[in-house]
N, C-alpha and C. Protein backbone atom coordinates (compact mmCIF):
# COMPACT_ATOMS: atom_id res chain seq x y z
N ALA A 1 1.05 -0.94 -0.08
CA ALA A 1 0.05 -0.33 -0.11
C ALA A 1 1.38 1.40 -0.06
N TYR A 2 1.94 0.95 1.34
CA TYR A 2 2.62 2.04 1.12
C TYR A 2 3.32 2.79 -0.77
N ASP A 3 3.85 1.70 -1.32
CA ASP A 3 4.31 1.93 -2.71
C ASP A 3 3.58 2.31 -3.83
N GLY A 4 2.61 1.99 -3.24
CA GLY A 4 1.04 2.86 -4.54
C GLY A 4 1.19 4.29 -3.80
N ILE A 5 0.78 4.42 -2.84
CA ILE A 5 0.81 5.92 -2.34
C ILE A 5 1.82 6.73 -2.45
N ARG A 6 2.94 6.22 -2.60
CA ARG A 6 4.21 6.61 -2.82
C ARG A 6 4.57 7.28 -4.31
N SER A 7 4.53 6.07 -5.24
CA SER A 7 4.12 6.12 -6.72
C SER A 7 3.29 6.82 -6.82
N LYS A 8 1.94 6.96 -6.32
CA LYS A 8 1.09 8.06 -6.90
C LYS A 8 1.21 9.51 -6.52
N LEU A 9 2.44 9.74 -5.67
CA LEU A 9 2.45 11.10 -5.11
C LEU A 9 3.59 11.69 -6.13
N ILE A 10 4.84 10.82 -5.99
CA ILE A 10 5.56 11.02 -7.33
C ILE A 10 5.55 11.58 -8.76
N ALA A 11 4.45 10.41 -9.52
CA ALA A 11 3.75 10.71 -10.85
C ALA A 11 3.13 12.59 -10.63
N THR A 12 2.64 12.29 -8.98
CA THR A 12 1.97 14.18 -9.23
C THR A 12 2.95 15.18 -8.83
N ALA A 13 3.81 14.39 -8.79
CA ALA A 13 4.95 15.81 -8.24
C ALA A 13 5.64 16.06 -9.23
N ASP A 14 5.48 14.71 -10.63
CA ASP A 14 6.96 14.73 -11.61
C ASP A 14 5.52 15.77 -13.04
N ILE A 15 4.36 15.32 -12.01
CA ILE A 15 3.06 16.42 -13.58
C ILE A 15 3.17 17.37 -13.63
N ASN A 16 3.78 17.30 -12.15
CA ASN A 16 3.72 19.29 -11.20
C ASN A 16 5.02 19.92 -11.60
N HIS A 17 6.09 18.99 -11.54
CA HIS A 17 7.13 19.66 -11.82
C HIS A 17 7.79 20.00 -14.04
N LEU A 18 6.79 18.96 -14.18
CA LEU A 18 6.80 18.93 -15.58
C LEU A 18 5.91 20.15 -15.94
N GLY A 19 4.69 20.14 -15.71
CA GLY A 19 4.22 21.29 -15.81
C GLY A 19 4.59 22.76 -14.97
N GLY A 20 5.09 23.31 -14.51
CA GLY A 20 6.36 24.22 -14.11
C GLY A 20 7.00 24.30 -15.06
N ILE A 21 8.00 23.36 -15.97
CA ILE A 21 8.88 23.35 -16.80
C ILE A 21 8.42 23.80 -17.73
N ALA A 22 7.14 23.97 -18.87
CA ALA A 22 6.85 24.08 -19.36
C ALA A 22 6.13 25.60 -20.04
N SER A 23 5.49 25.59 -18.40
CA SER A 23 5.26 27.08 -18.03
C SER A 23 6.43 28.29 -18.07
N LEU A 24 7.85 27.77 -17.58
CA LEU A 24 8.69 28.17 -17.81
C LEU A 24 9.43 28.57 -19.05
N LEU A 25 9.34 27.61 -20.30
CA LEU A 25 9.73 27.57 -21.25
C LEU A 25 8.95 28.38 -21.98
N GLY A 26 7.25 27.93 -22.13
CA GLY A 26 6.24 28.99 -22.60
C GLY A 26 7.01 30.73 -22.33
N GLN A 27 7.21 31.12 -20.86
CA GLN A 27 7.41 32.36 -20.60
C GLN A 27 8.73 32.93 -21.47
N GLN A 28 9.43 31.83 -21.65
CA GLN A 28 10.78 32.31 -22.35
C GLN A 28 10.22 32.64 -24.22
N LEU A 29 9.51 31.54 -24.23
CA LEU A 29 9.74 31.37 -26.00
C LEU A 29 8.80 32.96 -26.04
N GLU A 30 7.94 33.37 -25.21
CA GLU A 30 6.84 34.42 -25.35
C GLU A 30 8.26 35.67 -25.39
N ILE A 31 9.80 35.88 -24.34
CA ILE A 31 10.01 36.42 -24.33
C ILE A 31 10.95 36.69 -25.08
N PHE A 32 11.73 35.84 -25.97
CA PHE A 32 12.48 35.62 -27.69
C PHE A 32 11.65 36.11 -27.97
N SER A 33 10.03 35.90 -28.47
CA SER A 33 9.37 35.93 -29.44
C SER A 33 9.36 38.09 -29.35
N MET A 34 9.29 37.98 -28.05
CA MET A 34 8.80 39.76 -27.96
C MET A 34 10.14 40.31 -28.21
N LEU A 35 11.57 40.18 -27.76
CA LEU A 35 12.91 40.54 -27.92
C LEU A 35 12.73 40.37 -29.98
N GLU A 36 12.76 39.51 -30.54
CA GLU A 36 12.27 39.05 -32.14
C GLU A 36 12.03 40.10 -32.64
N ASN A 37 10.81 40.61 -32.11
CA ASN A 37 9.79 41.09 -33.05
C ASN A 37 10.13 43.01 -33.03
N GLN A 38 11.20 43.26 -31.43
CA GLN A 38 11.83 44.15 -31.41
C GLN A 38 13.08 44.45 -32.06
N PHE A 39 13.73 43.88 -31.97
CA PHE A 39 14.69 43.46 -33.00
C PHE A 39 15.26 44.18 -34.04
N ALA A 40 14.08 44.48 -35.28
CA ALA A 40 13.78 44.87 -36.33
C ALA A 40 14.32 45.95 -36.33
N ASP A 41 13.43 47.24 -35.17
CA ASP A 41 13.78 48.52 -34.92
C ASP A 41 14.50 48.67 -33.85
N CYS A 42 15.56 47.86 -33.27
CA CYS A 42 16.84 48.13 -33.30
C CYS A 42 18.12 48.13 -34.21
N LEU A 43 17.51 47.14 -35.22
CA LEU A 43 18.44 46.94 -36.76
C LEU A 43 18.35 48.60 -37.46
N TYR A 44 16.60 48.74 -37.09
CA TYR A 44 16.96 50.35 -37.94
C TYR A 44 17.63 51.34 -37.26
N HIS A 45 17.81 51.77 -35.92
CA HIS A 45 18.59 52.58 -35.53
C HIS A 45 19.79 52.17 -36.35
N ILE A 46 20.44 51.37 -35.79
CA ILE A 46 21.67 50.43 -36.16
C ILE A 46 22.74 51.24 -37.05
N LYS A 47 21.73 50.41 -38.13
CA LYS A 47 22.43 50.77 -39.99
C LYS A 47 22.03 52.48 -39.75
N ASN A 48 20.69 52.82 -39.54
CA ASN A 48 20.76 54.30 -39.65
C ASN A 48 22.06 54.82 -39.08
N ARG A 49 22.52 54.81 -37.99
CA ARG A 49 23.74 54.96 -37.55
C ARG A 49 25.41 54.79 -38.36
N LEU A 50 25.23 53.91 -38.19
CA LEU A 50 26.45 52.96 -39.47
C LEU A 50 26.48 53.61 -40.55
N ARG A 51 25.09 54.13 -41.27
CA ARG A 51 25.26 54.79 -42.33
C ARG A 51 25.38 56.37 -42.35
N ASP A 52 25.64 56.76 -41.35
CA ASP A 52 26.30 58.29 -40.85
C ASP A 52 27.46 58.34 -40.70
N GLY A 53 28.08 56.85 -40.11
CA GLY A 53 29.79 56.95 -40.14
C GLY A 53 29.71 56.55 -38.62
N GLN A 54 28.83 56.10 -37.87
CA GLN A 54 29.20 55.97 -36.54
C GLN A 54 29.36 54.32 -36.61
N PRO A 55 30.84 54.23 -35.68
CA PRO A 55 31.33 53.23 -35.15
C PRO A 55 30.33 51.92 -34.95
N LEU A 56 30.21 50.43 -34.37
CA LEU A 56 28.97 50.09 -34.03
C LEU A 56 28.54 49.77 -32.64
N GLU A 57 29.54 50.34 -31.69
CA GLU A 57 29.07 50.57 -30.24
C GLU A 57 28.53 51.62 -29.95
N THR A 58 28.84 52.85 -30.91
CA THR A 58 27.68 54.00 -30.73
C THR A 58 27.09 54.26 -31.25
N SER A 59 26.76 52.70 -32.18
CA SER A 59 25.66 52.92 -33.25
C SER A 59 24.81 52.10 -31.98
N ILE A 60 24.78 50.95 -31.05
CA ILE A 60 24.39 49.98 -30.78
C ILE A 60 23.63 50.75 -29.26
N GLU A 61 24.69 51.55 -28.97
CA GLU A 61 24.10 52.32 -27.59
C GLU A 61 22.73 53.75 -28.44
N PHE A 62 22.94 54.07 -29.49
CA PHE A 62 21.72 55.37 -29.99
C PHE A 62 20.48 54.02 -30.02
N SER A 63 20.94 53.50 -30.28
CA SER A 63 19.51 52.36 -30.33
C SER A 63 18.87 52.00 -29.01
N ALA A 64 19.89 52.05 -27.71
CA ALA A 64 19.35 51.29 -26.94
C ALA A 64 19.02 52.70 -26.20
N ASN A 65 19.26 53.85 -26.40
CA ASN A 65 18.67 55.15 -25.78
C ASN A 65 17.68 55.09 -26.63
N MET A 66 17.04 55.03 -27.29
CA MET A 66 16.28 55.45 -28.19
C MET A 66 14.83 54.12 -27.67
N LEU A 67 15.20 52.89 -27.36
CA LEU A 67 14.53 51.71 -27.42
C LEU A 67 13.94 51.64 -26.33
N ASN A 68 14.80 52.61 -25.01
CA ASN A 68 15.20 52.29 -24.21
C ASN A 68 14.39 51.36 -22.78
N ASN A 69 13.08 51.97 -23.20
CA ASN A 69 11.18 51.60 -22.58
C ASN A 69 10.85 49.88 -22.99
N ILE A 70 11.87 49.70 -23.79
CA ILE A 70 11.15 48.00 -24.28
C ILE A 70 12.30 47.42 -23.98
N ALA A 71 11.86 45.81 -24.36
CA ALA A 71 12.84 44.90 -23.19
C ALA A 71 14.32 44.79 -24.43
N ILE A 72 13.89 45.09 -25.63
CA ILE A 72 15.46 44.81 -26.26
C ILE A 72 16.07 46.50 -25.80
N GLY A 73 15.98 47.26 -25.82
CA GLY A 73 16.40 48.47 -25.24
C GLY A 73 16.98 47.87 -23.77
N LYS A 74 16.75 47.39 -22.86
CA LYS A 74 16.90 47.10 -21.85
C LYS A 74 18.31 45.87 -21.80
N HIS A 75 17.84 45.07 -23.33
CA HIS A 75 19.00 44.30 -23.20
C HIS A 75 20.22 44.91 -23.54
N LEU A 76 20.12 45.64 -24.52
CA LEU A 76 20.85 46.59 -25.00
C LEU A 76 21.86 46.98 -24.23
N SER A 77 21.35 48.01 -23.64
CA SER A 77 21.75 48.64 -22.21
C SER A 77 22.66 47.63 -21.00
N LYS A 78 22.23 46.53 -21.16
CA LYS A 78 22.84 45.22 -20.38
C LYS A 78 24.13 45.42 -20.70
N LEU A 79 23.92 45.07 -22.21
CA LEU A 79 25.17 44.80 -23.15
C LEU A 79 26.54 46.10 -23.06
N LEU A 80 25.55 47.23 -23.40
CA LEU A 80 26.36 48.02 -23.19
C LEU A 80 27.30 48.50 -21.78
N ASP A 81 26.31 48.21 -20.70
CA ASP A 81 27.03 48.12 -19.04
C ASP A 81 27.59 47.19 -19.20
N ILE A 82 27.97 45.99 -19.57
CA ILE A 82 29.36 44.95 -19.61
C ILE A 82 30.28 45.72 -20.27
N MET A 83 30.24 46.18 -20.98
CA MET A 83 31.26 47.07 -22.52
C MET A 83 32.13 47.37 -21.28
N HIS A 84 31.12 48.86 -20.39
CA HIS A 84 31.80 49.66 -19.84
C HIS A 84 32.77 49.15 -18.19
N THR A 85 31.45 48.81 -17.68
CA THR A 85 31.97 47.97 -16.20
C THR A 85 34.00 46.91 -16.10
N ARG A 86 33.07 46.27 -17.68
CA ARG A 86 34.24 45.55 -17.75
C ARG A 86 35.82 45.59 -18.59
N ASN A 87 35.64 46.99 -19.21
CA ASN A 87 36.19 47.94 -19.89
C ASN A 87 37.15 47.18 -21.60
N ILE A 88 35.62 45.93 -21.65
CA ILE A 88 35.87 45.24 -23.21
C ILE A 88 35.28 46.12 -24.07
N THR A 89 35.77 45.50 -25.18
CA THR A 89 35.06 46.08 -26.85
C THR A 89 33.97 45.67 -26.95
N MET A 90 33.03 46.07 -27.79
CA MET A 90 31.24 45.58 -27.78
C MET A 90 31.57 44.11 -28.61
N GLU A 91 32.76 43.81 -29.18
CA GLU A 91 32.86 42.51 -29.76
C GLU A 91 32.94 42.05 -29.00
N GLU A 92 33.97 41.70 -27.90
CA GLU A 92 34.11 41.04 -27.00
C GLU A 92 32.48 40.00 -26.46
N VAL A 93 31.75 41.46 -25.76
CA VAL A 93 30.77 41.26 -25.38
C VAL A 93 29.75 40.49 -26.27
N LEU A 94 29.89 40.54 -27.57
CA LEU A 94 29.07 40.71 -27.92
C LEU A 94 29.03 38.50 -28.28
N LYS A 95 30.80 38.46 -28.43
CA LYS A 95 31.25 37.14 -28.15
C LYS A 95 30.60 36.38 -27.15
N LYS A 96 30.38 36.87 -25.92
CA LYS A 96 30.13 36.19 -24.70
C LYS A 96 29.17 36.27 -24.55
N GLU A 97 27.89 37.50 -24.45
CA GLU A 97 26.70 37.56 -23.95
C GLU A 97 25.83 36.77 -24.92
N ARG A 98 24.91 36.44 -24.60
CA ARG A 98 23.33 35.16 -25.41
C ARG A 98 22.48 35.98 -24.70
N THR A 99 21.04 36.34 -26.40
CA THR A 99 20.27 36.66 -25.68
C THR A 99 19.26 35.52 -25.17
N GLY A 100 19.88 34.32 -25.77
CA GLY A 100 19.00 32.51 -25.56
C GLY A 100 17.93 32.82 -27.50
N SER A 101 18.19 34.16 -28.20
CA SER A 101 17.28 33.57 -29.21
C SER A 101 18.43 33.65 -30.09
N ILE A 102 17.87 32.57 -30.72
CA ILE A 102 19.02 32.43 -32.48
C ILE A 102 19.07 33.61 -33.43
N VAL A 103 17.79 33.74 -33.62
CA VAL A 103 17.45 34.77 -34.35
C VAL A 103 18.86 35.88 -33.98
N ILE A 104 18.45 36.50 -32.89
CA ILE A 104 19.31 37.65 -32.20
C ILE A 104 20.95 37.43 -32.12
N ASP A 105 21.15 36.58 -31.66
CA ASP A 105 22.91 35.60 -32.41
C ASP A 105 23.05 36.26 -33.08
N SER A 106 22.82 34.91 -33.48
CA SER A 106 22.94 34.90 -35.61
C SER A 106 23.13 36.02 -35.78
N VAL A 107 22.11 37.76 -35.68
CA VAL A 107 22.86 38.83 -36.44
C VAL A 107 23.78 39.65 -35.75
N PHE A 108 23.90 39.47 -34.46
CA PHE A 108 24.98 40.17 -34.06
C PHE A 108 26.73 39.45 -34.22
N LYS A 109 25.65 37.96 -34.72
CA LYS A 109 27.54 37.34 -34.96
C LYS A 109 27.53 37.37 -36.51
N LEU A 110 26.51 37.62 -37.36
CA LEU A 110 26.79 38.42 -38.70
C LEU A 110 27.54 39.82 -38.54
N LEU A 111 26.98 40.31 -37.54
CA LEU A 111 27.51 41.99 -37.44
C LEU A 111 28.97 41.73 -37.36
N LEU A 112 29.65 41.10 -36.31
CA LEU A 112 30.68 40.72 -35.87
C LEU A 112 31.66 40.50 -37.28
N ASN A 113 31.07 39.57 -37.90
CA ASN A 113 31.75 38.70 -39.00
C ASN A 113 31.83 40.16 -40.32
N SER A 114 31.75 40.47 -40.22
CA SER A 114 31.44 41.40 -41.33
C SER A 114 31.85 43.39 -40.80
N MET A 115 32.46 42.98 -38.98
CA MET A 115 33.29 44.71 -39.11
C MET A 115 34.53 44.04 -39.45
N LYS A 116 35.28 42.78 -39.73
CA LYS A 116 36.01 42.30 -40.44
C LYS A 116 36.41 42.87 -41.43
N LYS A 117 35.40 43.38 -42.40
CA LYS A 117 35.18 43.86 -44.11
C LYS A 117 35.90 45.08 -43.50
N GLY A 118 35.12 45.54 -42.71
CA GLY A 118 35.04 47.22 -42.39
C GLY A 118 33.64 47.62 -41.85
N ARG A 119 33.15 48.99 -42.20
CA ARG A 119 32.03 49.56 -41.60
C ARG A 119 30.91 49.61 -43.06
N LEU A 120 31.29 49.47 -44.04
CA LEU A 120 30.83 49.61 -45.14
C LEU A 120 29.92 48.00 -44.70
N ALA A 121 30.94 47.27 -45.35
CA ALA A 121 29.66 46.08 -44.53
C ALA A 121 29.11 45.80 -43.59
N VAL A 122 29.33 46.24 -42.47
CA VAL A 122 28.92 45.94 -41.14
C VAL A 122 27.42 47.03 -41.90
N MET A 123 27.26 48.03 -42.04
CA MET A 123 26.57 48.62 -42.35
C MET A 123 25.14 47.81 -43.67
N GLN A 124 25.94 47.52 -44.19
CA GLN A 124 25.39 46.82 -45.48
C GLN A 124 25.06 45.04 -45.30
N THR A 125 25.16 44.72 -43.84
CA THR A 125 25.22 43.59 -43.29
C THR A 125 23.38 43.76 -42.73
N ALA A 126 24.22 44.81 -41.86
CA ALA A 126 22.47 45.59 -41.02
C ALA A 126 21.04 45.75 -41.68
N ASP A 127 21.46 46.21 -42.93
CA ASP A 127 20.50 47.23 -43.49
C ASP A 127 19.78 45.49 -44.46
N VAL A 128 20.99 44.55 -44.76
CA VAL A 128 20.21 43.65 -45.55
C VAL A 128 18.96 42.71 -44.61
N VAL A 129 20.05 42.53 -42.99
CA VAL A 129 19.05 41.52 -42.23
C VAL A 129 18.02 42.64 -41.38
N HIS A 130 18.02 43.84 -41.20
CA HIS A 130 16.88 44.83 -41.36
C HIS A 130 15.72 44.45 -42.58
N SER A 131 15.95 44.43 -43.48
CA SER A 131 14.95 44.44 -44.83
C SER A 131 14.23 42.56 -44.01
N TYR A 132 14.67 42.00 -44.15
CA TYR A 132 13.74 40.11 -43.76
C TYR A 132 13.36 40.41 -42.80
N LEU A 133 14.02 41.43 -41.61
CA LEU A 133 13.45 41.26 -40.56
C LEU A 133 12.13 42.06 -40.47
N SER A 134 12.16 42.90 -40.98
CA SER A 134 11.03 43.59 -41.35
C SER A 134 9.72 42.99 -42.68
N LYS A 135 10.26 41.75 -43.18
CA LYS A 135 9.53 41.14 -44.18
C LYS A 135 9.14 40.07 -43.88
N ILE A 136 9.73 39.63 -42.48
CA ILE A 136 9.07 38.02 -40.95
C ILE A 136 7.78 38.82 -40.90
N ARG A 137 8.66 39.98 -39.94
CA ARG A 137 7.24 40.23 -39.47
C ARG A 137 6.03 41.03 -39.79
N LYS A 138 6.06 41.06 -41.03
CA LYS A 138 4.22 41.61 -41.66
C LYS A 138 4.21 40.18 -42.47
N ILE A 139 4.73 38.82 -42.40
CA ILE A 139 4.15 37.81 -42.96
C ILE A 139 3.42 37.61 -41.63
N GLU A 140 4.28 37.31 -40.39
CA GLU A 140 3.67 36.90 -39.13
C GLU A 140 2.11 37.70 -39.29
N LYS A 141 2.59 38.72 -39.26
CA LYS A 141 1.27 39.56 -39.03
C LYS A 141 0.19 39.31 -39.63
N CYS A 142 0.52 38.88 -41.04
CA CYS A 142 -0.74 37.98 -41.88
C CYS A 142 -1.65 36.62 -41.32
N PHE A 143 -0.39 35.99 -39.75
CA PHE A 143 -0.72 34.90 -40.34
C PHE A 143 -1.66 34.91 -38.53
N LEU A 144 -1.52 36.01 -38.12
CA LEU A 144 -2.44 35.81 -36.58
C LEU A 144 -3.72 36.91 -36.94
């Protein structure tokens, strides 16, 4: 009898635990989705600053200031704080810090790789990626 009750308790605890994990994962997916949706706006500001001749760090700082009241702006501010407090480059920060979003992390990786080819390459990369992300947002809105 004890083993039967114990088994039921363990099964119930496992189900509750899995339900909690599923809930947390669902929340994380919502956060990633929100960050990814806001990231197109972020890239818009970054590409425009790059077009004006600003370096990537300054462009990211401008974007963080423009979007400081939404999640992506707060994330960029966090990256800038890490850069300033650790006294490292934005390139080092972007290599080490991950958002958890494959899209955002991949775009930052593309921007870092294009930095090796110069400011024009970074600007063109940001412009192309912004264009694609904007189109993806429009398509997603049609399905909602």
